[in-house]
Amino acid sequence: MRIMGLDYGSKTVGVAISDELLITAQGIETVHREQENKLRRTYARIEELVREYGVEKIVVGYPKLLNNDIGERAKLCEEFAANVERRTGLETVLWDERLTTVEAHRVLDEAGQNYTKKAKVIDKLAAVLILQNYLDYLKNTSGK
């Protein structure tokens, strides 16, 4: 079994895939688009990756506000996740991703990445962090 992690942004979607043992998440790509509301190719690419990697579940980052409210970005993620679920037929989980992008920037800063390179990988790394947090949750709750 493999799980896909998605970080849905206004012009990109970071994509990560778990290993078959559900231990680690690896970033595989960032899907780019010209306009936020032009998602046909984005959904098609996600469907291709689902088939290619044998994905059985999808986790979409859910950017709740720090006070736990649901803002406009989170509402867009809800709609995106529902469409991904409808198109792939797979269970799609919304996963709280507060501060994930901040963490991704911190990781890249510590690795000495410059801004130009950082901009190209930040969404993919955010997808990795979202998926890894979900995998850790599964591991920590499976024995209880």
Protein backbone atom coordinates (compact mmCIF):
# COMPACT_ATOMS: atom_id res chain seq x y z
CA MET A 1 0.00 0.00 0.00
CA ARG A 2 1.15 3.53 -0.73
CA ILE A 3 -0.26 6.88 0.36
CA MET A 4 0.07 10.12 -1.57
CA GLY A 5 0.51 13.48 0.13
CA LEU A 6 -0.54 16.71 -1.59
CA ASP A 7 0.23 20.32 -0.70
CA TYR A 8 -2.33 22.36 -2.64
CA GLY A 9 -1.22 25.89 -3.43
CA SER A 10 -2.55 28.70 -5.60
CA LYS A 11 -0.34 27.78 -8.58
CA THR A 12 1.35 24.53 -7.58
CA VAL A 13 0.64 21.20 -5.95
CA GLY A 14 3.50 19.51 -4.14
CA VAL A 15 3.36 15.72 -4.37
CA ALA A 16 4.88 13.11 -2.04
CA ILE A 17 4.54 9.32 -1.93
CA SER A 18 5.03 6.92 0.97
CA ASP A 19 7.13 3.81 0.79
CA GLU A 20 5.17 0.54 0.72
CA LEU A 21 5.70 -0.02 4.46
CA LEU A 22 4.21 3.43 5.27
CA ILE A 23 7.34 4.50 7.12
CA THR A 24 8.76 7.34 5.04
CA ALA A 25 7.54 10.00 2.62
CA GLN A 26 9.49 11.04 -0.47
CA GLY A 27 8.83 14.12 -2.58
CA ILE A 28 8.30 13.24 -6.22
CA GLU A 29 7.29 16.43 -8.02
CA THR A 30 5.60 19.80 -8.02
CA VAL A 31 2.71 20.17 -10.45
CA HIS A 32 2.55 23.71 -11.87
CA ARG A 33 -0.33 25.58 -13.48
CA GLU A 34 -0.80 29.09 -14.85
CA GLN A 35 -4.00 30.00 -12.99
CA GLU A 36 -5.42 28.86 -9.68
CA ASN A 37 -8.80 27.85 -11.09
CA LYS A 38 -7.33 25.88 -14.04
CA LEU A 39 -7.08 22.41 -12.50
CA ARG A 40 -7.96 19.94 -15.27
CA ARG A 41 -4.31 19.09 -16.05
CA THR A 42 -3.44 19.05 -12.35
CA TYR A 43 -6.15 16.47 -11.61
CA ALA A 44 -5.08 14.44 -14.65
CA ARG A 45 -1.46 14.41 -13.45
CA ILE A 46 -2.51 13.32 -9.97
CA GLU A 47 -4.52 10.48 -11.51
CA GLU A 48 -1.45 9.41 -13.54
CA LEU A 49 0.71 9.39 -10.41
CA VAL A 50 -1.92 7.42 -8.47
CA ARG A 51 -1.78 4.69 -11.14
CA GLU A 52 2.01 4.82 -11.52
CA TYR A 53 2.71 4.42 -7.80
CA GLY A 54 -0.25 2.19 -6.85
CA VAL A 55 -1.63 4.75 -4.40
CA GLU A 56 -4.52 3.60 -2.21
CA LYS A 57 -5.14 6.73 -0.11
CA ILE A 58 -4.49 10.45 -0.49
CA VAL A 59 -3.70 13.00 2.22
CA VAL A 60 -4.28 16.66 1.39
CA GLY A 61 -2.79 19.39 3.54
CA TYR A 62 -5.49 21.37 5.33
CA PRO A 63 -4.30 24.89 6.22
CA LYS A 64 -6.47 25.73 9.18
CA LEU A 65 -5.88 29.08 10.82
CA LEU A 66 -3.80 29.15 14.00
CA ASN A 67 -6.98 29.74 16.04
CA ASN A 68 -8.41 26.51 14.48
CA ASP A 69 -10.88 28.39 12.24
CA ILE A 70 -11.43 27.45 8.61
CA GLY A 71 -10.28 30.26 6.33
CA GLU A 72 -10.63 30.77 2.58
CA ARG A 73 -7.51 28.72 1.74
CA ALA A 74 -8.80 25.78 3.80
CA LYS A 75 -12.17 25.96 2.02
CA LEU A 76 -10.37 25.78 -1.32
CA CYS A 77 -8.46 22.72 -0.05
CA GLU A 78 -11.73 21.07 0.97
CA GLU A 79 -13.06 21.54 -2.57
CA PHE A 80 -9.79 20.34 -4.10
CA ALA A 81 -9.74 17.22 -1.89
CA ALA A 82 -13.37 16.41 -2.75
CA ASN A 83 -12.56 16.66 -6.46
CA VAL A 84 -9.45 14.49 -6.08
CA GLU A 85 -11.53 11.88 -4.24
CA ARG A 86 -14.24 11.97 -6.88
CA ARG A 87 -11.77 11.69 -9.76
CA THR A 88 -9.56 8.97 -8.27
CA GLY A 89 -12.17 7.03 -6.31
CA LEU A 90 -9.73 6.91 -3.37
CA GLU A 91 -10.27 7.92 0.23
CA THR A 92 -8.94 11.45 0.64
CA VAL A 93 -8.02 12.70 4.11
CA LEU A 94 -7.65 16.37 5.06
CA TRP A 95 -4.62 16.69 7.34
CA ASP A 96 -3.91 19.73 9.50
CA GLU A 97 -0.85 21.36 7.97
CA ARG A 98 -0.52 24.49 10.07
CA LEU A 99 3.03 25.82 9.85
CA THR A 100 4.15 23.11 7.38
CA THR A 101 5.31 25.66 4.82
CA VAL A 102 7.16 27.55 7.56
CA GLU A 103 8.84 24.28 8.55
CA ALA A 104 9.74 23.58 4.91
CA HIS A 105 11.40 27.01 4.64
CA ARG A 106 13.31 26.34 7.88
CA VAL A 107 14.57 22.96 6.61
CA LEU A 108 15.76 24.49 3.35
CA ASP A 109 17.39 27.43 5.15
CA GLU A 110 19.28 25.02 7.39
CA ALA A 111 20.35 23.07 4.31
CA GLY A 112 21.76 26.28 2.85
CA GLN A 113 19.40 26.43 -0.12
CA ASN A 114 19.20 29.79 -1.87
CA TYR A 115 15.85 31.43 -2.64
CA THR A 116 15.80 30.47 -6.34
CA LYS A 117 16.21 26.78 -5.60
CA LYS A 118 13.95 27.01 -2.55
CA ALA A 119 11.03 28.32 -4.61
CA LYS A 120 11.26 25.25 -6.85
CA VAL A 121 11.12 22.67 -4.06
CA ILE A 122 9.15 24.25 -1.21
CA ASP A 123 5.75 22.77 -2.16
CA LYS A 124 7.21 19.31 -2.71
CA LEU A 125 8.92 19.47 0.69
CA ALA A 126 5.69 20.70 2.30
CA ALA A 127 3.92 17.65 0.80
CA VAL A 128 6.62 15.42 2.31
CA LEU A 129 6.13 17.01 5.74
CA ILE A 130 2.33 16.66 5.52
CA LEU A 131 2.57 13.00 4.52
CA GLN A 132 5.31 12.18 7.04
CA ASN A 133 3.24 13.69 9.85
CA TYR A 134 0.28 11.55 8.75
CA LEU A 135 2.44 8.39 8.54
CA ASP A 136 3.83 9.10 12.03
CA TYR A 137 0.27 9.49 13.30
CA LEU A 138 -0.69 6.12 11.79
CA LYS A 139 2.35 4.47 13.36
CA ASN A 140 1.66 6.01 16.77
CA THR A 141 -2.02 5.07 16.81
CA SER A 142 -1.78 1.58 15.30
CA GLY A 143 -0.51 0.00 18.51
CA LYS A 144 -3.10 1.57 20.78
